[in-house]
Amino acid sequence: MSNNSIDLDTLNELKEIMEDEFNILISVFISDGKDQIENLKQAIGSSNPEDIRRIAHTLKGSSSNLGLHHLSELSKTLEHNAADNNLDDAYELLQKIITEYEEVIETLEKFL
């Protein structure tokens, strides 16, 4: 994971602003992220570009809100490809998303 994958300033700022609610935010992101990745696997498996686009859009937004730049960018690429009905790299992007998600979770759990 590169140093630019996570904006630690954003996470620290959120933690300061949200106080006790921050742990809930991170826990929900972790749980929802797992669900979204499972849903992406199913949507890619059934070659459903609209579902892929919708799920990738959600993951992009939640990642961006937490300062998870690389995960957000990967999700954005998958979202745009699906919107263009281009699923050629969908499985490869999914694997990158899974790897990045697992790496950011390690960092996020340190904030709890």
PDB file of N, CA and C in Angstrom:
ATOM      1  N   MET A   1       0.861  -1.177   0.000  1.00  0.00           N
ATOM      2  CA  MET A   1       0.000   0.000   0.000  1.00  0.00           C
ATOM      3  C   MET A   1       0.898   1.227   0.000  1.00  0.00           C
ATOM      4  N   SER A   2       0.616   2.171  -0.862  1.00  0.00           N
ATOM      5  CA  SER A   2       1.436   3.368  -0.940  1.00  0.00           C
ATOM      6  C   SER A   2       1.050   4.352   0.153  1.00  0.00           C
ATOM      7  N   ASN A   3       1.931   5.292   0.408  1.00  0.00           N
ATOM      8  CA  ASN A   3       1.668   6.305   1.430  1.00  0.00           C
ATOM      9  C   ASN A   3       0.463   7.166   1.085  1.00  0.00           C
ATOM     10  N   ASN A   4       0.125   7.227  -0.184  1.00  0.00           N
ATOM     11  CA  ASN A   4      -0.995   8.059  -0.613  1.00  0.00           C
ATOM     12  C   ASN A   4      -2.318   7.311  -0.603  1.00  0.00           C
ATOM     13  N   SER A   5      -2.307   6.061  -0.175  1.00  0.00           N
ATOM     14  CA  SER A   5      -3.530   5.265  -0.165  1.00  0.00           C
ATOM     15  C   SER A   5      -4.532   5.765   0.862  1.00  0.00           C
ATOM     16  N   ILE A   6      -4.020   6.239   1.995  1.00  0.00           N
ATOM     17  CA  ILE A   6      -4.883   6.688   3.086  1.00  0.00           C
ATOM     18  C   ILE A   6      -4.450   8.077   3.523  1.00  0.00           C
ATOM     19  N   ASP A   7      -5.413   8.967   3.615  1.00  0.00           N
ATOM     20  CA  ASP A   7      -5.157  10.303   4.127  1.00  0.00           C
ATOM     21  C   ASP A   7      -5.346  10.260   5.644  1.00  0.00           C
ATOM     22  N   LEU A   8      -4.249  10.086   6.361  1.00  0.00           N
ATOM     23  CA  LEU A   8      -4.322   9.961   7.819  1.00  0.00           C
ATOM     24  C   LEU A   8      -4.823  11.242   8.475  1.00  0.00           C
ATOM     25  N   ASP A   9      -4.562  12.377   7.849  1.00  0.00           N
ATOM     26  CA  ASP A   9      -5.082  13.637   8.382  1.00  0.00           C
ATOM     27  C   ASP A   9      -6.608  13.635   8.380  1.00  0.00           C
ATOM     28  N   THR A  10      -7.198  13.128   7.306  1.00  0.00           N
ATOM     29  CA  THR A  10      -8.657  13.048   7.224  1.00  0.00           C
ATOM     30  C   THR A  10      -9.196  12.135   8.319  1.00  0.00           C
ATOM     31  N   LEU A  11      -8.567  10.988   8.502  1.00  0.00           N
ATOM     32  CA  LEU A  11      -9.021  10.061   9.545  1.00  0.00           C
ATOM     33  C   LEU A  11      -8.892  10.673  10.936  1.00  0.00           C
ATOM     34  N   ASN A  12      -7.767  11.318  11.185  1.00  0.00           N
ATOM     35  CA  ASN A  12      -7.566  11.947  12.497  1.00  0.00           C
ATOM     36  C   ASN A  12      -8.570  13.072  12.733  1.00  0.00           C
ATOM     37  N   GLU A  13      -8.856  13.831  11.686  1.00  0.00           N
ATOM     38  CA  GLU A  13      -9.835  14.914  11.801  1.00  0.00           C
ATOM     39  C   GLU A  13     -11.231  14.347  12.078  1.00  0.00           C
ATOM     40  N   LEU A  14     -11.602  13.303  11.359  1.00  0.00           N
ATOM     41  CA  LEU A  14     -12.894  12.661  11.594  1.00  0.00           C
ATOM     42  C   LEU A  14     -12.988  12.122  13.018  1.00  0.00           C
ATOM     43  N   LYS A  15     -11.905  11.532  13.482  1.00  0.00           N
ATOM     44  CA  LYS A  15     -11.898  10.969  14.837  1.00  0.00           C
ATOM     45  C   LYS A  15     -12.091  12.074  15.869  1.00  0.00           C
ATOM     46  N   GLU A  16     -11.450  13.194  15.642  1.00  0.00           N
ATOM     47  CA  GLU A  16     -11.573  14.322  16.573  1.00  0.00           C
ATOM     48  C   GLU A  16     -12.988  14.908  16.546  1.00  0.00           C
ATOM     49  N   ILE A  17     -13.543  15.074  15.371  1.00  0.00           N
ATOM     50  CA  ILE A  17     -14.869  15.674  15.228  1.00  0.00           C
ATOM     51  C   ILE A  17     -15.962  14.738  15.733  1.00  0.00           C
ATOM     52  N   MET A  18     -15.853  13.472  15.378  1.00  0.00           N
ATOM     53  CA  MET A  18     -16.931  12.527  15.675  1.00  0.00           C
ATOM     54  C   MET A  18     -16.835  11.913  17.071  1.00  0.00           C
ATOM     55  N   GLU A  19     -15.666  11.989  17.665  1.00  0.00           N
ATOM     56  CA  GLU A  19     -15.435  11.428  18.997  1.00  0.00           C
ATOM     57  C   GLU A  19     -15.896   9.973  19.063  1.00  0.00           C
ATOM     58  N   ASP A  20     -16.828   9.648  19.946  1.00  0.00           N
ATOM     59  CA  ASP A  20     -17.261   8.263  20.156  1.00  0.00           C
ATOM     60  C   ASP A  20     -17.942   7.667  18.924  1.00  0.00           C
ATOM     61  N   GLU A  21     -18.531   8.492  18.081  1.00  0.00           N
ATOM     62  CA  GLU A  21     -19.223   8.005  16.886  1.00  0.00           C
ATOM     63  C   GLU A  21     -18.242   7.512  15.818  1.00  0.00           C
ATOM     64  N   PHE A  22     -16.980   7.906  15.943  1.00  0.00           N
ATOM     65  CA  PHE A  22     -15.978   7.511  14.954  1.00  0.00           C
ATOM     66  C   PHE A  22     -15.847   5.992  14.878  1.00  0.00           C
ATOM     67  N   ASN A  23     -15.823   5.331  16.029  1.00  0.00           N
ATOM     68  CA  ASN A  23     -15.696   3.871  16.043  1.00  0.00           C
ATOM     69  C   ASN A  23     -16.862   3.214  15.320  1.00  0.00           C
ATOM     70  N   ILE A  24     -18.039   3.789  15.469  1.00  0.00           N
ATOM     71  CA  ILE A  24     -19.214   3.263  14.771  1.00  0.00           C
ATOM     72  C   ILE A  24     -19.035   3.434  13.264  1.00  0.00           C
ATOM     73  N   LEU A  25     -18.575   4.611  12.847  1.00  0.00           N
ATOM     74  CA  LEU A  25     -18.333   4.884  11.432  1.00  0.00           C
ATOM     75  C   LEU A  25     -17.379   3.860  10.834  1.00  0.00           C
ATOM     76  N   ILE A  26     -16.281   3.606  11.512  1.00  0.00           N
ATOM     77  CA  ILE A  26     -15.285   2.669  10.996  1.00  0.00           C
ATOM     78  C   ILE A  26     -15.854   1.250  10.971  1.00  0.00           C
ATOM     79  N   SER A  27     -16.539   0.862  12.020  1.00  0.00           N
ATOM     80  CA  SER A  27     -17.134  -0.477  12.087  1.00  0.00           C
ATOM     81  C   SER A  27     -18.152  -0.685  10.974  1.00  0.00           C
ATOM     82  N   VAL A  28     -18.967   0.335  10.727  1.00  0.00           N
ATOM     83  CA  VAL A  28     -19.963   0.244   9.649  1.00  0.00           C
ATOM     84  C   VAL A  28     -19.262   0.166   8.296  1.00  0.00           C
ATOM     85  N   PHE A  29     -18.215   0.967   8.105  1.00  0.00           N
ATOM     86  CA  PHE A  29     -17.484   0.919   6.834  1.00  0.00           C
ATOM     87  C   PHE A  29     -16.910  -0.477   6.606  1.00  0.00           C
ATOM     88  N   ILE A  30     -16.312  -1.059   7.637  1.00  0.00           N
ATOM     89  CA  ILE A  30     -15.712  -2.386   7.510  1.00  0.00           C
ATOM     90  C   ILE A  30     -16.786  -3.417   7.149  1.00  0.00           C
ATOM     91  N   SER A  31     -17.886  -3.394   7.854  1.00  0.00           N
ATOM     92  CA  SER A  31     -18.970  -4.348   7.615  1.00  0.00           C
ATOM     93  C   SER A  31     -19.601  -4.146   6.242  1.00  0.00           C
ATOM     94  N   ASP A  32     -19.936  -2.903   5.937  1.00  0.00           N
ATOM     95  CA  ASP A  32     -20.552  -2.607   4.639  1.00  0.00           C
ATOM     96  C   ASP A  32     -19.598  -2.903   3.492  1.00  0.00           C
ATOM     97  N   GLY A  33     -18.329  -2.620   3.694  1.00  0.00           N
ATOM     98  CA  GLY A  33     -17.342  -2.885   2.655  1.00  0.00           C
ATOM     99  C   GLY A  33     -17.284  -4.356   2.289  1.00  0.00           C
ATOM    100  N   LYS A  34     -17.317  -5.210   3.309  1.00  0.00           N
ATOM    101  CA  LYS A  34     -17.331  -6.658   3.052  1.00  0.00           C
ATOM    102  C   LYS A  34     -18.558  -7.032   2.228  1.00  0.00           C
ATOM    103  N   ASP A  35     -19.706  -6.480   2.603  1.00  0.00           N
ATOM    104  CA  ASP A  35     -20.942  -6.766   1.868  1.00  0.00           C
ATOM    105  C   ASP A  35     -20.864  -6.258   0.434  1.00  0.00           C
ATOM    106  N   GLN A  36     -20.335  -5.044   0.264  1.00  0.00           N
ATOM    107  CA  GLN A  36     -20.239  -4.476  -1.074  1.00  0.00           C
ATOM    108  C   GLN A  36     -19.312  -5.293  -1.961  1.00  0.00           C
ATOM    109  N   ILE A  37     -18.216  -5.774  -1.399  1.00  0.00           N
ATOM    110  CA  ILE A  37     -17.297  -6.590  -2.183  1.00  0.00           C
ATOM    111  C   ILE A  37     -17.962  -7.912  -2.573  1.00  0.00           C
ATOM    112  N   GLU A  38     -18.694  -8.525  -1.655  1.00  0.00           N
ATOM    113  CA  GLU A  38     -19.424  -9.751  -1.994  1.00  0.00           C
ATOM    114  C   GLU A  38     -20.449  -9.478  -3.097  1.00  0.00           C
ATOM    115  N   ASN A  39     -21.151  -8.349  -2.983  1.00  0.00           N
ATOM    116  CA  ASN A  39     -22.130  -7.978  -4.011  1.00  0.00           C
ATOM    117  C   ASN A  39     -21.460  -7.709  -5.352  1.00  0.00           C
ATOM    118  N   LEU A  40     -20.266  -7.093  -5.323  1.00  0.00           N
ATOM    119  CA  LEU A  40     -19.512  -6.874  -6.558  1.00  0.00           C
ATOM    120  C   LEU A  40     -19.136  -8.203  -7.199  1.00  0.00           C
ATOM    121  N   LYS A  41     -18.694  -9.162  -6.386  1.00  0.00           N
ATOM    122  CA  LYS A  41     -18.341 -10.484  -6.916  1.00  0.00           C
ATOM    123  C   LYS A  41     -19.527 -11.087  -7.655  1.00  0.00           C
ATOM    124  N   GLN A  42     -20.693 -11.009  -7.040  1.00  0.00           N
ATOM    125  CA  GLN A  42     -21.898 -11.573  -7.656  1.00  0.00           C
ATOM    126  C   GLN A  42     -22.271 -10.827  -8.932  1.00  0.00           C
ATOM    127  N   ALA A  43     -22.207  -9.490  -8.883  1.00  0.00           N
ATOM    128  CA  ALA A  43     -22.575  -8.693 -10.056  1.00  0.00           C
ATOM    129  C   ALA A  43     -21.609  -8.935 -11.211  1.00  0.00           C
ATOM    130  N   ILE A  44     -20.326  -9.055 -10.903  1.00  0.00           N
ATOM    131  CA  ILE A  44     -19.339  -9.332 -11.946  1.00  0.00           C
ATOM    132  C   ILE A  44     -19.535 -10.747 -12.481  1.00  0.00           C
ATOM    133  N   GLY A  45     -19.822 -11.678 -11.579  1.00  0.00           N
ATOM    134  CA  GLY A  45     -20.063 -13.060 -11.996  1.00  0.00           C
ATOM    135  C   GLY A  45     -21.252 -13.195 -12.928  1.00  0.00           C
ATOM    136  N   SER A  46     -22.250 -12.343 -12.730  1.00  0.00           N
ATOM    137  CA  SER A  46     -23.427 -12.394 -13.602  1.00  0.00           C
ATOM    138  C   SER A  46     -23.375 -11.343 -14.707  1.00  0.00           C
ATOM    139  N   SER A  47     -22.244 -10.670 -14.834  1.00  0.00           N
ATOM    140  CA  SER A  47     -22.032  -9.649 -15.880  1.00  0.00           C
ATOM    141  C   SER A  47     -23.145  -8.614 -15.905  1.00  0.00           C
ATOM    142  N   ASN A  48     -23.438  -8.049 -14.739  1.00  0.00           N
ATOM    143  CA  ASN A  48     -24.503  -7.055 -14.614  1.00  0.00           C
ATOM    144  C   ASN A  48     -23.880  -5.666 -14.434  1.00  0.00           C
ATOM    145  N   PRO A  49     -23.692  -4.933 -15.546  1.00  0.00           N
ATOM    146  CA  PRO A  49     -22.989  -3.654 -15.465  1.00  0.00           C
ATOM    147  C   PRO A  49     -23.686  -2.624 -14.578  1.00  0.00           C
ATOM    148  N   GLU A  50     -25.010  -2.590 -14.558  1.00  0.00           N
ATOM    149  CA  GLU A  50     -25.701  -1.588 -13.735  1.00  0.00           C
ATOM    150  C   GLU A  50     -25.473  -1.852 -12.244  1.00  0.00           C
ATOM    151  N   ASP A  51     -25.547  -3.102 -11.835  1.00  0.00           N
ATOM    152  CA  ASP A  51     -25.277  -3.423 -10.429  1.00  0.00           C
ATOM    153  C   ASP A  51     -23.821  -3.143 -10.073  1.00  0.00           C
ATOM    154  N   ILE A  52     -22.908  -3.489 -10.973  1.00  0.00           N
ATOM    155  CA  ILE A  52     -21.487  -3.214 -10.739  1.00  0.00           C
ATOM    156  C   ILE A  52     -21.281  -1.713 -10.574  1.00  0.00           C
ATOM    157  N   ARG A  53     -21.872  -0.933 -11.473  1.00  0.00           N
ATOM    158  CA  ARG A  53     -21.725   0.526 -11.418  1.00  0.00           C
ATOM    159  C   ARG A  53     -22.246   1.070 -10.097  1.00  0.00           C
ATOM    160  N   ARG A  54     -23.427   0.639  -9.700  1.00  0.00           N
ATOM    161  CA  ARG A  54     -24.075   1.134  -8.480  1.00  0.00           C
ATOM    162  C   ARG A  54     -23.257   0.785  -7.233  1.00  0.00           C
ATOM    163  N   ILE A  55     -22.814  -0.452  -7.141  1.00  0.00           N
ATOM    164  CA  ILE A  55     -22.053  -0.898  -5.966  1.00  0.00           C
ATOM    165  C   ILE A  55     -20.694  -0.210  -5.919  1.00  0.00           C
ATOM    166  N   ALA A  56     -20.028  -0.127  -7.074  1.00  0.00           N
ATOM    167  CA  ALA A  56     -18.725   0.545  -7.132  1.00  0.00           C
ATOM    168  C   ALA A  56     -18.864   2.020  -6.765  1.00  0.00           C
ATOM    169  N   HIS A  57     -19.955   2.647  -7.176  1.00  0.00           N
ATOM    170  CA  HIS A  57     -20.212   4.046  -6.836  1.00  0.00           C
ATOM    171  C   HIS A  57     -20.321   4.218  -5.315  1.00  0.00           C
ATOM    172  N   THR A  58     -21.041   3.325  -4.672  1.00  0.00           N
ATOM    173  CA  THR A  58     -21.209   3.383  -3.219  1.00  0.00           C
ATOM    174  C   THR A  58     -19.868   3.196  -2.518  1.00  0.00           C
ATOM    175  N   LEU A  59     -19.108   2.215  -2.947  1.00  0.00           N
ATOM    176  CA  LEU A  59     -17.798   1.959  -2.344  1.00  0.00           C
ATOM    177  C   LEU A  59     -16.855   3.134  -2.577  1.00  0.00           C
ATOM    178  N   LYS A  60     -16.927   3.724  -3.750  1.00  0.00           N
ATOM    179  CA  LYS A  60     -16.102   4.901  -4.065  1.00  0.00           C
ATOM    180  C   LYS A  60     -16.403   6.036  -3.089  1.00  0.00           C
ATOM    181  N   GLY A  61     -17.681   6.307  -2.879  1.00  0.00           N
ATOM    182  CA  GLY A  61     -18.062   7.416  -2.014  1.00  0.00           C
ATOM    183  C   GLY A  61     -17.678   7.204  -0.568  1.00  0.00           C
ATOM    184  N   SER A  62     -17.948   6.019  -0.049  1.00  0.00           N
ATOM    185  CA  SER A  62     -17.630   5.768   1.362  1.00  0.00           C
ATOM    186  C   SER A  62     -16.119   5.757   1.572  1.00  0.00           C
ATOM    187  N   SER A  63     -15.375   5.259   0.616  1.00  0.00           N
ATOM    188  CA  SER A  63     -13.910   5.265   0.712  1.00  0.00           C
ATOM    189  C   SER A  63     -13.368   6.686   0.672  1.00  0.00           C
ATOM    190  N   SER A  64     -13.908   7.480  -0.218  1.00  0.00           N
ATOM    191  CA  SER A  64     -13.471   8.859  -0.360  1.00  0.00           C
ATOM    192  C   SER A  64     -13.731   9.648   0.918  1.00  0.00           C
ATOM    193  N   ASN A  65     -14.886   9.430   1.527  1.00  0.00           N
ATOM    194  CA  ASN A  65     -15.233  10.144   2.757  1.00  0.00           C
ATOM    195  C   ASN A  65     -14.255   9.872   3.893  1.00  0.00           C
ATOM    196  N   LEU A  66     -13.638   8.693   3.876  1.00  0.00           N
ATOM    197  CA  LEU A  66     -12.676   8.330   4.920  1.00  0.00           C
ATOM    198  C   LEU A  66     -11.234   8.639   4.522  1.00  0.00           C
ATOM    199  N   GLY A  67     -11.044   9.187   3.337  1.00  0.00           N
ATOM    200  CA  GLY A  67      -9.690   9.508   2.892  1.00  0.00           C
ATOM    201  C   GLY A  67      -8.931   8.299   2.371  1.00  0.00           C
ATOM    202  N   LEU A  68      -9.651   7.293   1.898  1.00  0.00           N
ATOM    203  CA  LEU A  68      -9.040   6.067   1.366  1.00  0.00           C
ATOM    204  C   LEU A  68      -8.905   6.226  -0.150  1.00  0.00           C
ATOM    205  N   HIS A  69      -7.921   7.002  -0.549  1.00  0.00           N
ATOM    206  CA  HIS A  69      -7.808   7.466  -1.926  1.00  0.00           C
ATOM    207  C   HIS A  69      -7.672   6.354  -2.959  1.00  0.00           C
ATOM    208  N   HIS A  70      -6.791   5.406  -2.707  1.00  0.00           N
ATOM    209  CA  HIS A  70      -6.554   4.375  -3.722  1.00  0.00           C
ATOM    210  C   HIS A  70      -7.786   3.487  -3.887  1.00  0.00           C
ATOM    211  N   LEU A  71      -8.413   3.112  -2.788  1.00  0.00           N
ATOM    212  CA  LEU A  71      -9.632   2.306  -2.860  1.00  0.00           C
ATOM    213  C   LEU A  71     -10.727   3.065  -3.599  1.00  0.00           C
ATOM    214  N   SER A  72     -10.829   4.355  -3.332  1.00  0.00           N
ATOM    215  CA  SER A  72     -11.813   5.180  -4.008  1.00  0.00           C
ATOM    216  C   SER A  72     -11.534   5.252  -5.512  1.00  0.00           C
ATOM    217  N   GLU A  73     -10.273   5.403  -5.886  1.00  0.00           N
ATOM    218  CA  GLU A  73      -9.912   5.490  -7.308  1.00  0.00           C
ATOM    219  C   GLU A  73     -10.164   4.171  -8.044  1.00  0.00           C
ATOM    220  N   LEU A  74      -9.828   3.056  -7.395  1.00  0.00           N
ATOM    221  CA  LEU A  74     -10.107   1.756  -8.016  1.00  0.00           C
ATOM    222  C   LEU A  74     -11.604   1.573  -8.228  1.00  0.00           C
ATOM    223  N   SER A  75     -12.381   1.955  -7.235  1.00  0.00           N
ATOM    224  CA  SER A  75     -13.837   1.834  -7.325  1.00  0.00           C
ATOM    225  C   SER A  75     -14.385   2.754  -8.409  1.00  0.00           C
ATOM    226  N   LYS A  76     -13.809   3.939  -8.515  1.00  0.00           N
ATOM    227  CA  LYS A  76     -14.230   4.893  -9.542  1.00  0.00           C
ATOM    228  C   LYS A  76     -13.968   4.333 -10.944  1.00  0.00           C
ATOM    229  N   THR A  77     -12.815   3.724 -11.120  1.00  0.00           N
ATOM    230  CA  THR A  77     -12.492   3.128 -12.422  1.00  0.00           C
ATOM    231  C   THR A  77     -13.487   2.035 -12.774  1.00  0.00           C
ATOM    232  N   LEU A  78     -13.779   1.161 -11.806  1.00  0.00           N
ATOM    233  CA  LEU A  78     -14.747   0.089 -12.044  1.00  0.00           C
ATOM    234  C   LEU A  78     -16.131   0.667 -12.332  1.00  0.00           C
ATOM    235  N   GLU A  79     -16.519   1.694 -11.588  1.00  0.00           N
ATOM    236  CA  GLU A  79     -17.815   2.347 -11.806  1.00  0.00           C
ATOM    237  C   GLU A  79     -17.919   2.891 -13.231  1.00  0.00           C
ATOM    238  N   HIS A  80     -16.913   3.619 -13.661  1.00  0.00           N
ATOM    239  CA  HIS A  80     -16.942   4.233 -14.992  1.00  0.00           C
ATOM    240  C   HIS A  80     -16.911   3.179 -16.093  1.00  0.00           C
ATOM    241  N   ASN A  81     -16.099   2.130 -15.888  1.00  0.00           N
ATOM    242  CA  ASN A  81     -16.062   1.059 -16.887  1.00  0.00           C
ATOM    243  C   ASN A  81     -17.430   0.393 -17.014  1.00  0.00           C
ATOM    244  N   ALA A  82     -18.054   0.127 -15.883  1.00  0.00           N
ATOM    245  CA  ALA A  82     -19.376  -0.520 -15.907  1.00  0.00           C
ATOM    246  C   ALA A  82     -20.410   0.396 -16.553  1.00  0.00           C
ATOM    247  N   ALA A  83     -20.320   1.697 -16.292  1.00  0.00           N
ATOM    248  CA  ALA A  83     -21.253   2.652 -16.902  1.00  0.00           C
ATOM    249  C   ALA A  83     -21.117   2.651 -18.424  1.00  0.00           C
ATOM    250  N   ASP A  84     -19.905   2.343 -18.901  1.00  0.00           N
ATOM    251  CA  ASP A  84     -19.648   2.253 -20.343  1.00  0.00           C
ATOM    252  C   ASP A  84     -19.857   0.835 -20.882  1.00  0.00           C
ATOM    253  N   ASN A  85     -20.429  -0.035 -20.046  1.00  0.00           N
ATOM    254  CA  ASN A  85     -20.625  -1.456 -20.399  1.00  0.00           C
ATOM    255  C   ASN A  85     -19.317  -2.148 -20.773  1.00  0.00           C
ATOM    256  N   ASN A  86     -18.229  -1.701 -20.165  1.00  0.00           N
ATOM    257  CA  ASN A  86     -16.916  -2.300 -20.393  1.00  0.00           C
ATOM    258  C   ASN A  86     -16.557  -3.121 -19.157  1.00  0.00           C
ATOM    259  N   LEU A  87     -16.746  -4.428 -19.250  1.00  0.00           N
ATOM    260  CA  LEU A  87     -16.463  -5.314 -18.128  1.00  0.00           C
ATOM    261  C   LEU A  87     -15.184  -6.125 -18.343  1.00  0.00           C
ATOM    262  N   ASP A  88     -14.389  -5.744 -19.350  1.00  0.00           N
ATOM    263  CA  ASP A  88     -13.186  -6.502 -19.691  1.00  0.00           C
ATOM    264  C   ASP A  88     -12.229  -6.644 -18.508  1.00  0.00           C
ATOM    265  N   ASP A  89     -12.044  -5.576 -17.734  1.00  0.00           N
ATOM    266  CA  ASP A  89     -11.097  -5.583 -16.616  1.00  0.00           C
ATOM    267  C   ASP A  89     -11.789  -5.677 -15.264  1.00  0.00           C
ATOM    268  N   ALA A  90     -13.075  -6.011 -15.258  1.00  0.00           N
ATOM    269  CA  ALA A  90     -13.847  -5.989 -14.011  1.00  0.00           C
ATOM    270  C   ALA A  90     -13.276  -6.938 -12.966  1.00  0.00           C
ATOM    271  N   TYR A  91     -12.942  -8.145 -13.365  1.00  0.00           N
ATOM    272  CA  TYR A  91     -12.431  -9.115 -12.396  1.00  0.00           C
ATOM    273  C   TYR A  91     -11.070  -8.673 -11.853  1.00  0.00           C
ATOM    274  N   GLU A  92     -10.216  -8.167 -12.732  1.00  0.00           N
ATOM    275  CA  GLU A  92      -8.895  -7.680 -12.308  1.00  0.00           C
ATOM    276  C   GLU A  92      -9.044  -6.497 -11.342  1.00  0.00           C
ATOM    277  N   LEU A  93      -9.943  -5.579 -11.648  1.00  0.00           N
ATOM    278  CA  LEU A  93     -10.186  -4.449 -10.750  1.00  0.00           C
ATOM    279  C   LEU A  93     -10.750  -4.926  -9.414  1.00  0.00           C
ATOM    280  N   LEU A  94     -11.628  -5.901  -9.457  1.00  0.00           N
ATOM    281  CA  LEU A  94     -12.173  -6.455  -8.218  1.00  0.00           C
ATOM    282  C   LEU A  94     -11.052  -7.008  -7.351  1.00  0.00           C
ATOM    283  N   GLN A  95     -10.115  -7.721  -7.938  1.00  0.00           N
ATOM    284  CA  GLN A  95      -9.000  -8.270  -7.157  1.00  0.00           C
ATOM    285  C   GLN A  95      -8.167  -7.152  -6.530  1.00  0.00           C
ATOM    286  N   LYS A  96      -7.952  -6.072  -7.261  1.00  0.00           N
ATOM    287  CA  LYS A  96      -7.212  -4.926  -6.720  1.00  0.00           C
ATOM    288  C   LYS A  96      -7.996  -4.261  -5.592  1.00  0.00           C
ATOM    289  N   ILE A  97      -9.310  -4.161  -5.762  1.00  0.00           N
ATOM    290  CA  ILE A  97     -10.172  -3.581  -4.727  1.00  0.00           C
ATOM    291  C   ILE A  97     -10.112  -4.428  -3.461  1.00  0.00           C
ATOM    292  N   ILE A  98     -10.186  -5.736  -3.619  1.00  0.00           N
ATOM    293  CA  ILE A  98     -10.133  -6.635  -2.461  1.00  0.00           C
ATOM    294  C   ILE A  98      -8.805  -6.480  -1.727  1.00  0.00           C
ATOM    295  N   THR A  99      -7.706  -6.480  -2.463  1.00  0.00           N
ATOM    296  CA  THR A  99      -6.383  -6.330  -1.855  1.00  0.00           C
ATOM    297  C   THR A  99      -6.268  -4.996  -1.114  1.00  0.00           C
ATOM    298  N   GLU A 100      -6.693  -3.930  -1.755  1.00  0.00           N
ATOM    299  CA  GLU A 100      -6.612  -2.603  -1.141  1.00  0.00           C
ATOM    300  C   GLU A 100      -7.524  -2.520   0.077  1.00  0.00           C
ATOM    301  N   TYR A 101      -8.715  -3.067  -0.032  1.00  0.00           N
ATOM    302  CA  TYR A 101      -9.665  -3.065   1.089  1.00  0.00           C
ATOM    303  C   TYR A 101      -9.047  -3.765   2.300  1.00  0.00           C
ATOM    304  N   GLU A 102      -8.465  -4.931   2.087  1.00  0.00           N
ATOM    305  CA  GLU A 102      -7.852  -5.671   3.189  1.00  0.00           C
ATOM    306  C   GLU A 102      -6.713  -4.881   3.824  1.00  0.00           C
ATOM    307  N   GLU A 103      -5.949  -4.175   3.016  1.00  0.00           N
ATOM    308  CA  GLU A 103      -4.836  -3.373   3.541  1.00  0.00           C
ATOM    309  C   GLU A 103      -5.339  -2.169   4.331  1.00  0.00           C
ATOM    310  N   VAL A 104      -6.363  -1.485   3.830  1.00  0.00           N
ATOM    311  CA  VAL A 104      -6.844  -0.304   4.566  1.00  0.00           C
ATOM    312  C   VAL A 104      -7.549  -0.700   5.855  1.00  0.00           C
ATOM    313  N   ILE A 105      -8.165  -1.883   5.865  1.00  0.00           N
ATOM    314  CA  ILE A 105      -8.835  -2.345   7.078  1.00  0.00           C
ATOM    315  C   ILE A 105      -7.826  -2.485   8.205  1.00  0.00           C
ATOM    316  N   GLU A 106      -6.637  -2.979   7.900  1.00  0.00           N
ATOM    317  CA  GLU A 106      -5.593  -3.098   8.921  1.00  0.00           C
ATOM    318  C   GLU A 106      -5.293  -1.740   9.550  1.00  0.00           C
ATOM    319  N   THR A 107      -5.202  -0.717   8.728  1.00  0.00           N
ATOM    320  CA  THR A 107      -4.941   0.624   9.241  1.00  0.00           C
ATOM    321  C   THR A 107      -6.143   1.165   9.999  1.00  0.00           C
ATOM    322  N   LEU A 108      -7.331   0.994   9.457  1.00  0.00           N
ATOM    323  CA  LEU A 108      -8.539   1.516  10.112  1.00  0.00           C
ATOM    324  C   LEU A 108      -8.742   0.892  11.485  1.00  0.00           C
ATOM    325  N   GLU A 109      -8.441  -0.385  11.610  1.00  0.00           N
ATOM    326  CA  GLU A 109      -8.642  -1.054  12.895  1.00  0.00           C
ATOM    327  C   GLU A 109      -7.722  -0.488  13.969  1.00  0.00           C
ATOM    328  N   LYS A 110      -6.590   0.083  13.579  1.00  0.00           N
ATOM    329  CA  LYS A 110      -5.678   0.713  14.536  1.00  0.00           C
ATOM    330  C   LYS A 110      -6.283   1.997  15.105  1.00  0.00           C
ATOM    331  N   PHE A 111      -7.253   2.559  14.399  1.00  0.00           N
ATOM    332  CA  PHE A 111      -7.908   3.790  14.859  1.00  0.00           C
ATOM    333  C   PHE A 111      -9.001   3.512  15.868  1.00  0.00           C
ATOM    334  N   LEU A 112      -9.412   2.260  15.989  1.00  0.00           N
ATOM    335  CA  LEU A 112     -10.506   1.921  16.897  1.00  0.00           C
ATOM    336  C   LEU A 112     -10.044   1.876  18.341  1.00  0.00           C
TER     337      LEU A 112
END
